């Protein structure tokens, strides 16, 4: 059976600033398929290679796969649906399968808009896809599919979703195949080295109201530190990877395992640096361990600081404070690592003053890097329900962290973007002339100057923050957000849509992914629990 995996050709000017990122789902899903005996697997990265549709059409037609797998986060979903439609037109009998966070929760809308999709894989895909493809290979999928957990499909024009499959209990059973990737295409611009995005832990016990990852993974699990470092060593030795970023929401939660990981990396002295995203509270908890983190090659720590006002931190359910954010940044920097602060912008209560306040905080906290990310109202996140009909823009292709989706009560969307771009310009101008060239640590100085080059390069090419939509009319900056107007609605239209089209509403009950209240004891247990065994009910999700 010929299997083709496709990364849809979607670009937004967000994370691509730092380089071309290898899609990890390919290695983990592809590895699971190969381990199960599916040897004829090919991957086409239409995104990194920027393959236009006419060329992709030729590739698909020439290979004539029996099965095509694609993935989609929310901003990629429209392009993914169109890519699979093209495949259906070319190959009427090929099975088309779509996975990812957005289809997991929005399968009803996806299947109503793209009925050419045969199956949607909901949640963690490695075990589900193997069972599904075995059934397809045997020619019995139409008979078997009702018993295959974790999928959705159309039957007699009605949407069917089978019960969620349990999360993978032991992540050490994962068998990623990194050979599926063309490694010379994945370059981390700040260091000009190959980059990987391996997976050490999955899930998060915290339930931030703007986020949905905890719903997708449902249960926090982490891998054996020794086996994970074996994988890193393979990436460095066999694929010449010089930098990796953990594809984890909360890699540091389990202190014992993360410490063991760092100890093993430090012992092996692999020629690789790496980065993580983690919580401010973990940094404060593990201050004494930060020298070990740096010794292990950890260079870049991105913090979910999120807001410039305690009111918004509380609204987001971050369980952190402004003062803790500042302290965590200083701790990271004092041990030679890069501290990056994240701000969420563009809520409905945004004002010119609140945008300026984030810049003032960036000068007070003095992080090495700062990102101003536009709030993206995931249609399957709790905060989306609170905002309700205020989310007028349903053009998911713009849900990309660089486009203001919400219309603030006190200003226009375009002015939010202008204010954020002004913050970026001021922040990095100061860093370029007064800070980065004078960093004493030569490793960190080289890294930060490399980050600056990445910003400059993508600014010139107008890829940074999708600058192609910004134009100067004399001395005035003009912005074209380029929404698909057919996907922009009034409050009255949204109210009608909700009644007439229930398929537009997310299925947020996936696998029981509903928080049952804040349980600090459970979180403490997870942070010290070597085996990831539950404190009580393993299906319990922690609200925080």
Protein backbone atom coordinates (compact mmCIF):
# COMPACT_ATOMS: atom_id res chain seq x y z
CA UNK A 1 0.00 0.00 0.00
CA UNK A 2 1.41 3.38 -1.05
CA UNK A 3 1.09 6.01 1.67
CA UNK A 4 1.75 9.71 1.11
CA UNK A 5 1.99 12.24 3.96
CA UNK A 6 1.52 15.91 3.05
CA UNK A 7 2.24 19.07 5.01
CA UNK A 8 -0.08 21.67 3.38
CA UNK A 9 1.55 24.77 1.91
CA UNK A 10 0.51 27.37 4.48
CA UNK A 11 2.52 30.45 5.52
CA UNK A 12 1.76 33.23 7.98
CA UNK A 13 4.90 35.10 9.06
CA UNK A 14 4.94 33.72 12.60
CA UNK A 15 7.28 30.96 13.75
CA UNK A 16 8.89 30.80 10.30
CA UNK A 17 10.84 33.92 11.24
CA UNK A 18 13.43 31.69 12.92
CA UNK A 19 13.69 29.20 10.07
CA UNK A 20 12.06 26.15 8.53
CA UNK A 21 10.65 23.75 11.11
CA UNK A 22 10.51 19.98 10.55
CA UNK A 23 6.93 18.72 11.04
CA UNK A 24 7.38 16.24 13.88
CA UNK A 25 4.06 14.51 13.24
CA UNK A 26 5.62 13.00 10.13
CA UNK A 27 8.39 11.28 12.08
CA UNK A 28 6.10 9.97 14.84
CA UNK A 29 3.16 8.92 12.65
CA UNK A 30 5.41 7.65 9.88
CA UNK A 31 7.51 5.73 12.39
CA UNK A 32 4.42 4.08 13.84
CA UNK A 33 3.34 3.03 10.34
CA UNK A 34 6.74 1.61 9.44
CA UNK A 35 6.94 -0.30 12.72
CA UNK A 36 3.54 -1.80 11.88
CA UNK A 37 4.88 -3.02 8.52
CA UNK A 38 3.82 -0.21 6.17
CA UNK A 39 7.09 0.30 4.33
CA UNK A 40 5.98 2.40 1.37
CA UNK A 41 5.68 5.78 3.07
CA UNK A 42 6.64 9.08 1.44
CA UNK A 43 6.45 12.61 2.80
CA UNK A 44 5.88 15.79 0.78
CA UNK A 45 6.56 19.02 2.69
CA UNK A 46 4.66 21.47 0.52
CA UNK A 47 5.02 24.12 3.22
CA UNK A 48 8.81 24.17 3.64
CA UNK A 49 9.44 23.65 -0.08
CA UNK A 50 6.68 26.16 -0.93
CA UNK A 51 5.25 23.81 -3.53
CA UNK A 52 2.46 25.48 -5.54
CA UNK A 53 -0.73 23.55 -6.20
CA UNK A 54 0.05 22.83 -9.85
CA UNK A 55 3.33 21.16 -8.90
CA UNK A 56 1.77 19.30 -5.98
CA UNK A 57 -0.91 18.04 -8.35
CA UNK A 58 1.79 16.52 -10.57
CA UNK A 59 3.53 14.89 -7.58
CA UNK A 60 0.31 13.32 -6.34
CA UNK A 61 -0.70 12.11 -9.80
CA UNK A 62 2.74 10.67 -10.49
CA UNK A 63 2.92 8.76 -7.19
CA UNK A 64 -0.75 7.68 -7.14
CA UNK A 65 -0.85 6.87 -3.41
CA UNK A 66 -3.51 4.55 -2.00
CA UNK A 67 -3.75 6.70 1.14
CA UNK A 68 -2.98 10.39 1.74
CA UNK A 69 -2.46 11.70 5.27
CA UNK A 70 -2.49 15.41 6.07
CA UNK A 71 -2.55 17.47 9.24
CA UNK A 72 -4.01 20.82 10.20
CA UNK A 73 -3.80 23.28 13.02
CA UNK A 74 -6.53 25.92 12.85
CA UNK A 75 -4.86 28.42 10.47
CA UNK A 76 -3.91 25.56 8.15
CA UNK A 77 -7.34 23.90 7.97
CA UNK A 78 -8.68 25.72 4.89
CA UNK A 79 -5.52 24.95 2.91
CA UNK A 80 -5.53 21.35 4.11
CA UNK A 81 -9.13 20.87 2.98
CA UNK A 82 -8.29 22.36 -0.43
CA UNK A 83 -5.22 20.14 -0.78
CA UNK A 84 -7.24 17.02 -0.10
CA UNK A 85 -9.96 18.19 -2.49
CA UNK A 86 -7.34 18.39 -5.22
CA UNK A 87 -6.23 14.86 -4.34
CA UNK A 88 -9.82 13.62 -4.53
CA UNK A 89 -10.25 15.11 -8.01
CA UNK A 90 -7.07 13.36 -9.16
CA UNK A 91 -7.55 10.04 -7.37
CA UNK A 92 -11.22 9.25 -6.69
CA UNK A 93 -10.44 5.94 -4.93
CA UNK A 94 -7.61 7.11 -2.69
CA UNK A 95 -8.43 7.25 1.01
CA UNK A 96 -7.99 10.77 2.39
CA UNK A 97 -7.26 11.12 6.11
CA UNK A 98 -6.90 14.34 8.11
CA UNK A 99 -5.57 14.72 11.65
CA UNK A 100 -4.47 17.46 14.01
CA UNK A 101 -5.83 19.68 16.74
CA UNK A 102 -8.44 21.54 14.68
CA UNK A 103 -10.09 18.49 13.06
CA UNK A 104 -10.10 16.73 16.43
CA UNK A 105 -12.59 19.22 17.87
CA UNK A 106 -14.13 20.68 14.69
CA UNK A 107 -14.66 17.42 12.80
CA UNK A 108 -18.35 18.18 12.14
CA UNK A 109 -17.56 21.48 10.44
CA UNK A 110 -14.61 19.98 8.53
CA UNK A 111 -16.69 17.10 7.19
CA UNK A 112 -19.54 19.43 6.24
CA UNK A 113 -17.16 21.75 4.36
CA UNK A 114 -14.93 18.98 2.98
CA UNK A 115 -17.04 15.83 2.49
CA UNK A 116 -14.26 14.44 0.30
CA UNK A 117 -12.28 13.66 3.48
CA UNK A 118 -12.78 9.97 4.27
CA UNK A 119 -11.59 9.94 7.88
CA UNK A 120 -10.58 12.36 10.60
CA UNK A 121 -8.20 11.09 13.26
CA UNK A 122 -9.07 12.65 16.61
CA UNK A 123 -6.33 13.14 19.18
CA UNK A 124 -3.04 11.31 19.49
CA UNK A 125 -2.63 9.56 16.17
CA UNK A 126 0.07 6.89 16.32
CA UNK A 127 -2.10 3.98 17.47
CA UNK A 128 -5.28 5.11 15.70
CA UNK A 129 -3.67 5.47 12.29
CA UNK A 130 -2.11 2.01 12.43
CA UNK A 131 -5.46 0.37 13.20
CA UNK A 132 -7.25 2.41 10.55
CA UNK A 133 -4.72 1.70 7.82
CA UNK A 134 -4.69 -2.03 8.58
CA UNK A 135 -8.45 -1.97 8.05
CA UNK A 136 -8.09 0.01 4.82
CA UNK A 137 -5.41 -2.36 3.56
CA UNK A 138 -7.70 -5.31 4.25
CA UNK A 139 -10.52 -3.55 2.40
CA UNK A 140 -12.78 -3.77 5.44
CA UNK A 141 -12.71 -0.17 6.73
CA UNK A 142 -16.35 0.53 5.85
CA UNK A 143 -17.34 -2.46 7.96
CA UNK A 144 -14.79 -1.89 10.74
CA UNK A 145 -14.84 1.86 11.18
CA UNK A 146 -17.60 2.05 13.77
CA UNK A 147 -15.38 -0.02 16.09
CA UNK A 148 -12.18 1.99 15.51
CA UNK A 149 -11.87 4.43 18.38
CA UNK A 150 -10.80 8.01 17.78
CA UNK A 151 -12.08 8.70 14.26
CA UNK A 152 -14.88 10.64 12.59
CA UNK A 153 -16.44 10.18 9.15
CA UNK A 154 -19.57 10.67 7.06
CA UNK A 155 -22.08 7.87 6.74
CA UNK A 156 -25.18 8.50 4.64
CA UNK A 157 -24.33 12.21 4.80
CA UNK A 158 -24.41 12.15 8.60
CA UNK A 159 -21.37 12.80 10.80
CA UNK A 160 -20.27 9.86 12.93
CA UNK A 161 -17.66 10.19 15.68
CA UNK A 162 -16.49 7.08 17.46
CA UNK A 163 -15.52 7.19 21.16
CA UNK A 164 -12.13 8.71 21.93
CA UNK A 165 -9.20 6.35 22.17
CA UNK A 166 -7.28 6.39 25.44
CA UNK A 167 -4.05 8.41 25.40
CA UNK A 168 -0.93 6.36 24.71
CA UNK A 169 -0.01 5.02 28.13
CA UNK A 170 3.73 4.58 27.54
CA UNK A 171 5.41 7.19 25.35
CA UNK A 172 8.54 5.04 25.27
CA UNK A 173 6.69 2.81 22.79
CA UNK A 174 6.93 5.60 20.20
CA UNK A 175 9.18 4.75 17.26
CA UNK A 176 9.84 7.97 15.32
CA UNK A 177 11.42 7.65 11.88
CA UNK A 178 13.36 10.85 11.27
CA UNK A 179 14.68 9.55 7.94
CA UNK A 180 11.38 10.60 6.32
CA UNK A 181 12.51 14.24 6.44
CA UNK A 182 14.84 16.04 4.01
CA UNK A 183 17.12 17.44 6.68
CA UNK A 184 19.01 19.95 4.58
CA UNK A 185 15.73 21.90 4.31
CA UNK A 186 15.27 22.47 8.06
CA UNK A 187 17.57 25.26 9.18
CA UNK A 188 17.45 27.28 12.39
CA UNK A 189 18.45 30.72 11.12
CA UNK A 190 19.89 32.18 14.38
CA UNK A 191 22.59 29.48 14.43
CA UNK A 192 22.54 28.41 10.76
CA UNK A 193 22.28 24.75 11.80
CA UNK A 194 19.75 21.99 11.23
CA UNK A 195 16.87 22.02 13.68
CA UNK A 196 14.65 19.26 15.11
CA UNK A 197 11.48 19.32 17.22
CA UNK A 198 11.39 16.05 19.20
CA UNK A 199 8.76 15.17 21.78
CA UNK A 200 9.73 14.49 25.42
CA UNK A 201 6.39 15.07 27.17
CA UNK A 202 2.80 15.33 26.04
CA UNK A 203 -0.02 17.15 27.73
CA UNK A 204 -0.36 19.74 30.43
CA UNK A 205 -2.21 19.55 33.76
CA UNK A 206 -2.95 23.28 33.62
CA UNK A 207 -6.08 24.50 31.86
CA UNK A 208 -5.35 28.03 30.63
CA UNK A 209 -8.59 29.36 29.20
CA UNK A 210 -7.12 30.53 25.87
CA UNK A 211 -5.38 27.21 25.22
CA UNK A 212 -6.57 23.83 23.95
CA UNK A 213 -3.50 21.60 24.11
CA UNK A 214 -4.50 20.17 27.48
CA UNK A 215 -7.79 19.08 25.91
CA UNK A 216 -6.06 17.47 22.94
CA UNK A 217 -3.54 15.37 24.92
CA UNK A 218 -5.87 14.98 27.95
CA UNK A 219 -3.25 13.42 30.23
CA UNK A 220 0.28 14.50 31.12
CA UNK A 221 2.96 11.92 30.29
CA UNK A 222 6.70 12.04 29.74
CA UNK A 223 9.25 9.69 28.27
CA UNK A 224 12.25 7.93 29.75
CA UNK A 225 15.02 10.56 29.93
CA UNK A 226 17.61 8.00 28.83
CA UNK A 227 15.61 6.90 25.78
CA UNK A 228 14.82 10.47 24.86
CA UNK A 229 18.49 11.46 24.96
CA UNK A 230 19.22 8.40 22.81
CA UNK A 231 16.85 9.94 20.25
CA UNK A 232 18.57 13.32 20.51
CA UNK A 233 21.93 11.64 19.98
CA UNK A 234 20.54 9.96 16.85
CA UNK A 235 19.37 13.33 15.54
CA UNK A 236 22.79 14.87 16.17
CA UNK A 237 24.87 11.93 14.90
CA UNK A 238 22.81 10.73 11.94
CA UNK A 239 21.12 13.94 10.77
CA UNK A 240 23.62 16.58 11.86
CA UNK A 241 21.09 18.48 13.99
CA UNK A 242 22.67 21.42 15.82
CA UNK A 243 19.62 22.80 17.64
CA UNK A 244 16.37 21.31 18.88
CA UNK A 245 13.24 22.64 20.51
CA UNK A 246 11.06 20.43 22.65
CA UNK A 247 7.58 20.11 21.15
CA UNK A 248 6.10 20.10 24.64
CA UNK A 249 3.63 22.30 26.46
CA UNK A 250 5.18 21.55 29.87
CA UNK A 251 8.54 19.74 29.61
CA UNK A 252 9.71 20.76 33.08
CA UNK A 253 6.65 19.75 35.09
CA UNK A 254 8.08 16.40 36.16
CA UNK A 255 11.17 17.71 37.91
CA UNK A 256 12.82 14.31 38.42
CA UNK A 257 12.54 13.31 34.79
CA UNK A 258 13.59 16.67 33.39
CA UNK A 259 16.55 16.78 35.74
CA UNK A 260 17.57 13.27 34.64
CA UNK A 261 17.27 14.38 31.01
CA UNK A 262 19.59 17.34 31.65
CA UNK A 263 22.08 15.20 33.55
CA UNK A 264 22.26 12.72 30.68
CA UNK A 265 22.70 15.45 28.06
CA UNK A 266 25.44 17.04 30.15
CA UNK A 267 27.18 13.67 30.56
CA UNK A 268 27.19 12.91 26.84
CA UNK A 269 28.36 16.42 25.88
CA UNK A 270 26.51 16.36 22.57
CA UNK A 271 27.33 19.28 20.23
CA UNK A 272 23.80 20.65 20.30
CA UNK A 273 21.95 23.55 21.93
CA UNK A 274 18.23 23.53 22.58
CA UNK A 275 15.19 25.47 23.69
CA UNK A 276 11.94 24.97 25.55
CA UNK A 277 8.68 26.68 26.38
CA UNK A 278 7.70 26.43 30.04
CA UNK A 279 5.96 28.03 32.98
CA UNK A 280 7.27 30.81 35.16
CA UNK A 281 6.43 28.83 38.29
CA UNK A 282 8.66 25.92 37.19
CA UNK A 283 11.62 28.30 36.81
CA UNK A 284 11.10 29.62 40.33
CA UNK A 285 10.69 26.10 41.72
CA UNK A 286 13.90 24.89 40.07
CA UNK A 287 16.19 27.89 40.54
CA UNK A 288 18.89 25.66 42.06
CA UNK A 289 18.82 23.44 38.96
CA UNK A 290 19.28 26.20 36.38
CA UNK A 291 23.09 25.76 36.21
CA UNK A 292 22.52 22.12 35.25
CA UNK A 293 20.03 23.16 32.56
CA UNK A 294 22.66 25.43 31.00
CA UNK A 295 25.37 22.77 31.30
CA UNK A 296 23.06 20.41 29.41
CA UNK A 297 23.01 22.83 26.46
CA UNK A 298 19.67 24.52 27.17
CA UNK A 299 20.02 27.99 25.69
CA UNK A 300 16.57 29.43 25.01
CA UNK A 301 13.63 29.47 27.42
CA UNK A 302 10.35 30.97 26.26
CA UNK A 303 8.02 31.87 29.11
CA UNK A 304 4.24 32.05 28.98
CA UNK A 305 4.19 35.44 30.71
CA UNK A 306 1.18 36.30 28.51
CA UNK A 307 -0.24 39.50 30.00
CA UNK A 308 0.82 42.95 31.16
CA UNK A 309 -1.96 43.21 33.73
CA UNK A 310 -2.75 40.90 36.62
CA UNK A 311 -6.41 41.13 35.66
CA UNK A 312 -5.68 39.39 32.35
CA UNK A 313 -3.41 36.82 33.97
CA UNK A 314 -6.30 35.91 36.25
CA UNK A 315 -8.71 35.90 33.32
CA UNK A 316 -6.41 33.53 31.40
CA UNK A 317 -6.17 31.32 34.52
CA UNK A 318 -2.36 31.43 34.43
CA UNK A 319 -1.87 31.15 38.21
CA UNK A 320 1.11 33.51 38.01
CA UNK A 321 1.79 37.13 38.89
CA UNK A 322 3.52 40.04 37.16
CA UNK A 323 6.27 40.03 39.80
CA UNK A 324 6.88 36.30 39.31
CA UNK A 325 7.31 36.87 35.59
CA UNK A 326 10.02 39.45 36.21
CA UNK A 327 11.84 37.27 38.75
CA UNK A 328 11.82 34.22 36.47
CA UNK A 329 13.37 36.22 33.62
CA UNK A 330 16.20 37.42 35.89
CA UNK A 331 16.85 33.87 37.12
CA UNK A 332 17.19 32.53 33.59
CA UNK A 333 19.50 35.33 32.51
CA UNK A 334 21.71 35.02 35.58
CA UNK A 335 22.61 31.49 34.47
CA UNK A 336 23.55 32.41 30.91
CA UNK A 337 20.35 31.40 29.16
CA UNK A 338 18.08 33.41 26.87
CA UNK A 339 14.80 34.54 28.46
CA UNK A 340 11.94 35.22 26.06
CA UNK A 341 8.73 36.88 27.24
CA UNK A 342 5.40 36.30 25.50
CA UNK A 343 2.55 38.82 25.47
CA UNK A 344 -0.98 38.08 24.26
CA UNK A 345 -2.40 41.06 22.41
CA UNK A 346 -5.65 42.01 20.72
CA UNK A 347 -8.30 41.07 23.25
CA UNK A 348 -11.63 42.87 23.05
CA UNK A 349 -10.53 45.20 25.88
CA UNK A 350 -7.26 46.24 24.19
CA UNK A 351 -6.47 49.96 24.13
CA UNK A 352 -3.49 52.04 23.00
CA UNK A 353 -2.60 52.34 26.68
CA UNK A 354 -2.53 48.57 27.26
CA UNK A 355 -0.33 48.07 24.20
CA UNK A 356 2.05 50.68 25.54
CA UNK A 357 1.97 49.00 28.94
CA UNK A 358 3.34 45.78 27.44
CA UNK A 359 6.25 47.75 26.00
CA UNK A 360 6.88 49.41 29.36
CA UNK A 361 6.93 45.99 31.01
CA UNK A 362 9.35 44.67 28.39
CA UNK A 363 11.70 47.50 29.40
CA UNK A 364 11.18 46.84 33.10
CA UNK A 365 11.60 43.05 32.89
CA UNK A 366 14.43 43.34 30.34
CA UNK A 367 13.99 39.91 28.72
CA UNK A 368 16.46 39.00 26.00
CA UNK A 369 13.58 38.60 23.55
CA UNK A 370 9.92 39.55 23.49
CA UNK A 371 7.04 38.35 21.35
CA UNK A 372 3.74 40.12 20.97
CA UNK A 373 1.32 37.41 19.82
CA UNK A 374 -2.17 38.25 18.65
CA UNK A 375 -4.87 36.52 20.64
CA UNK A 376 -6.27 33.67 18.58
CA UNK A 377 -9.77 32.60 19.69
CA UNK A 378 -9.52 28.86 19.12
CA UNK A 379 -13.13 27.76 18.57
CA UNK A 380 -12.56 24.86 20.98
CA UNK A 381 -11.08 26.89 23.87
CA UNK A 382 -13.00 28.02 26.91
CA UNK A 383 -12.35 31.71 26.34
CA UNK A 384 -13.98 31.45 22.90
CA UNK A 385 -17.25 30.52 24.59
CA UNK A 386 -17.02 33.56 26.85
CA UNK A 387 -16.37 35.91 23.92
CA UNK A 388 -19.20 34.34 21.92
CA UNK A 389 -20.59 36.55 19.18
CA UNK A 390 -17.75 39.06 19.61
CA UNK A 391 -15.63 36.70 17.50
CA UNK A 392 -16.86 38.07 14.19
CA UNK A 393 -13.97 36.78 12.07
CA UNK A 394 -14.18 33.07 11.31
CA UNK A 395 -11.55 33.13 8.56
CA UNK A 396 -9.40 30.47 10.18
CA UNK A 397 -6.53 31.09 7.75
CA UNK A 398 -5.86 34.29 9.74
CA UNK A 399 -5.84 32.57 13.14
CA UNK A 400 -2.07 32.70 13.03
CA UNK A 401 -0.86 34.73 16.05
CA UNK A 402 0.08 37.68 13.80
CA UNK A 403 -3.37 38.88 12.71
CA UNK A 404 -5.74 40.70 15.10
CA UNK A 405 -8.94 38.66 15.06
CA UNK A 406 -10.90 40.42 17.79
CA UNK A 407 -12.28 43.93 17.29
CA UNK A 408 -11.38 45.89 20.45
CA UNK A 409 -14.09 48.11 21.79
CA UNK A 410 -11.78 51.14 21.87
CA UNK A 411 -9.76 50.81 18.65
CA UNK A 412 -9.57 49.22 15.21
CA UNK A 413 -7.86 45.92 14.49
CA UNK A 414 -5.45 47.71 12.15
CA UNK A 415 -4.36 50.02 14.97
CA UNK A 416 -3.67 47.03 17.22
CA UNK A 417 -1.30 45.68 14.57
CA UNK A 418 0.38 49.06 14.16
CA UNK A 419 0.91 49.33 17.91
CA UNK A 420 2.41 45.84 18.12
CA UNK A 421 4.76 46.51 15.19
CA UNK A 422 5.86 49.71 16.91
CA UNK A 423 6.64 47.72 20.06
CA UNK A 424 8.73 45.27 18.05
CA UNK A 425 10.65 48.06 16.32
CA UNK A 426 11.47 49.88 19.56
CA UNK A 427 12.35 46.75 21.50
CA UNK A 428 14.73 45.22 18.98
CA UNK A 429 16.27 48.55 17.95
CA UNK A 430 17.46 48.99 21.52
CA UNK A 431 18.70 45.41 21.65
CA UNK A 432 20.57 45.78 18.34
CA UNK A 433 22.46 48.96 19.27
CA UNK A 434 22.84 48.84 23.04
CA UNK A 435 22.64 45.24 24.30
CA UNK A 436 23.28 42.26 22.00
CA UNK A 437 26.76 43.34 20.77
CA UNK A 438 27.91 43.81 24.37
CA UNK A 439 26.83 40.49 25.90
CA UNK A 440 29.90 39.10 27.69
CA UNK A 441 29.11 35.40 27.24
CA UNK A 442 30.39 34.67 23.68
CA UNK A 443 27.97 31.77 23.15
CA UNK A 444 24.94 33.78 24.17
CA UNK A 445 26.19 36.87 22.27
CA UNK A 446 26.55 34.85 19.05
CA UNK A 447 23.10 33.35 19.58
CA UNK A 448 21.40 36.70 20.16
CA UNK A 449 23.09 38.33 17.17
CA UNK A 450 21.90 35.36 15.12
CA UNK A 451 18.33 35.97 16.33
CA UNK A 452 18.70 39.60 15.33
CA UNK A 453 19.83 38.58 11.85
CA UNK A 454 16.73 36.37 11.55
CA UNK A 455 14.50 39.33 12.44
CA UNK A 456 16.31 41.61 9.98
CA UNK A 457 16.22 39.06 7.16
CA UNK A 458 12.49 38.40 7.46
CA UNK A 459 11.78 42.12 7.84
CA UNK A 460 13.53 42.84 4.54
CA UNK A 461 11.66 40.00 2.81
CA UNK A 462 8.43 41.14 4.55
CA UNK A 463 7.87 37.68 6.02
CA UNK A 464 8.16 38.93 9.60
CA UNK A 465 4.67 39.34 11.05
CA UNK A 466 3.30 39.13 7.49
CA UNK A 467 4.62 42.59 6.67
CA UNK A 468 3.50 42.20 3.07
CA UNK A 469 0.07 43.48 4.12
CA UNK A 470 1.54 46.75 5.47
CA UNK A 471 2.01 49.68 3.08
CA UNK A 472 3.09 53.29 3.46
CA UNK A 473 0.92 56.00 1.94
CA UNK A 474 3.17 58.98 2.32
CA UNK A 475 3.86 59.10 6.04
CA UNK A 476 0.80 57.03 6.91
CA UNK A 477 0.94 53.28 7.52
CA UNK A 478 -1.93 51.39 5.91
CA UNK A 479 -2.85 47.80 6.71
CA UNK A 480 -4.85 45.30 4.71
CA UNK A 481 -5.78 42.35 6.91
CA UNK A 482 -7.22 40.57 3.86
CA UNK A 483 -9.95 38.61 5.61
CA UNK A 484 -12.14 36.36 3.51
CA UNK A 485 -15.27 38.51 3.78
CA UNK A 486 -17.50 35.45 3.36
CA UNK A 487 -16.13 34.31 6.73
CA UNK A 488 -16.70 37.60 8.58
CA UNK A 489 -20.10 37.93 10.27
CA UNK A 490 -22.15 40.38 12.28
CA UNK A 491 -23.34 39.44 15.76
CA UNK A 492 -26.83 38.87 14.37
CA UNK A 493 -25.51 36.56 11.65
CA UNK A 494 -23.47 34.61 14.18
CA UNK A 495 -26.53 34.09 16.35
CA UNK A 496 -28.42 32.71 13.37
CA UNK A 497 -25.48 30.56 12.28
CA UNK A 498 -25.27 28.96 15.69
CA UNK A 499 -28.91 27.89 15.46
CA UNK A 500 -28.91 26.83 11.81
CA UNK A 501 -25.46 25.21 11.70
CA UNK A 502 -24.70 23.24 14.88
CA UNK A 503 -21.73 21.68 13.05
CA UNK A 504 -19.89 24.98 13.55
CA UNK A 505 -19.73 24.31 17.30
CA UNK A 506 -16.70 22.45 18.62
CA UNK A 507 -17.03 19.06 20.30
CA UNK A 508 -15.13 19.93 23.46
CA UNK A 509 -16.20 16.78 25.28
CA UNK A 510 -13.49 14.83 23.45
CA UNK A 511 -12.23 12.07 25.73
CA UNK A 512 -13.74 13.71 28.79
CA UNK A 513 -11.58 16.79 28.33
CA UNK A 514 -13.58 18.95 30.72
CA UNK A 515 -11.81 20.39 33.78
CA UNK A 516 -13.21 19.34 37.13
CA UNK A 517 -11.66 22.01 39.28
CA UNK A 518 -8.27 23.13 40.51
CA UNK A 519 -6.32 20.45 42.37
CA UNK A 520 -2.86 21.68 43.49
CA UNK A 521 -2.18 18.33 45.16
CA UNK A 522 -2.47 16.57 41.80
CA UNK A 523 -0.05 19.03 40.20
CA UNK A 524 2.49 18.58 42.97
CA UNK A 525 2.16 14.84 42.57
CA UNK A 526 2.82 15.00 38.83
CA UNK A 527 5.88 17.20 39.31
CA UNK A 528 7.59 14.59 41.47
CA UNK A 529 6.13 11.41 40.04
CA UNK A 530 8.75 9.34 38.21
CA UNK A 531 6.31 6.91 36.60
CA UNK A 532 3.51 9.38 35.83
CA UNK A 533 1.04 7.27 37.79
CA UNK A 534 -2.10 9.18 38.78
CA UNK A 535 -2.74 10.39 42.28
CA UNK A 536 -6.35 9.30 42.04
CA UNK A 537 -8.58 9.03 38.97
CA UNK A 538 -6.35 8.88 35.88
CA UNK A 539 -9.07 10.49 33.77
CA UNK A 540 -9.15 13.53 36.00
CA UNK A 541 -8.06 16.79 34.41
CA UNK A 542 -6.68 19.53 36.60
CA UNK A 543 -8.08 23.03 36.40
CA UNK A 544 -5.66 25.82 37.19
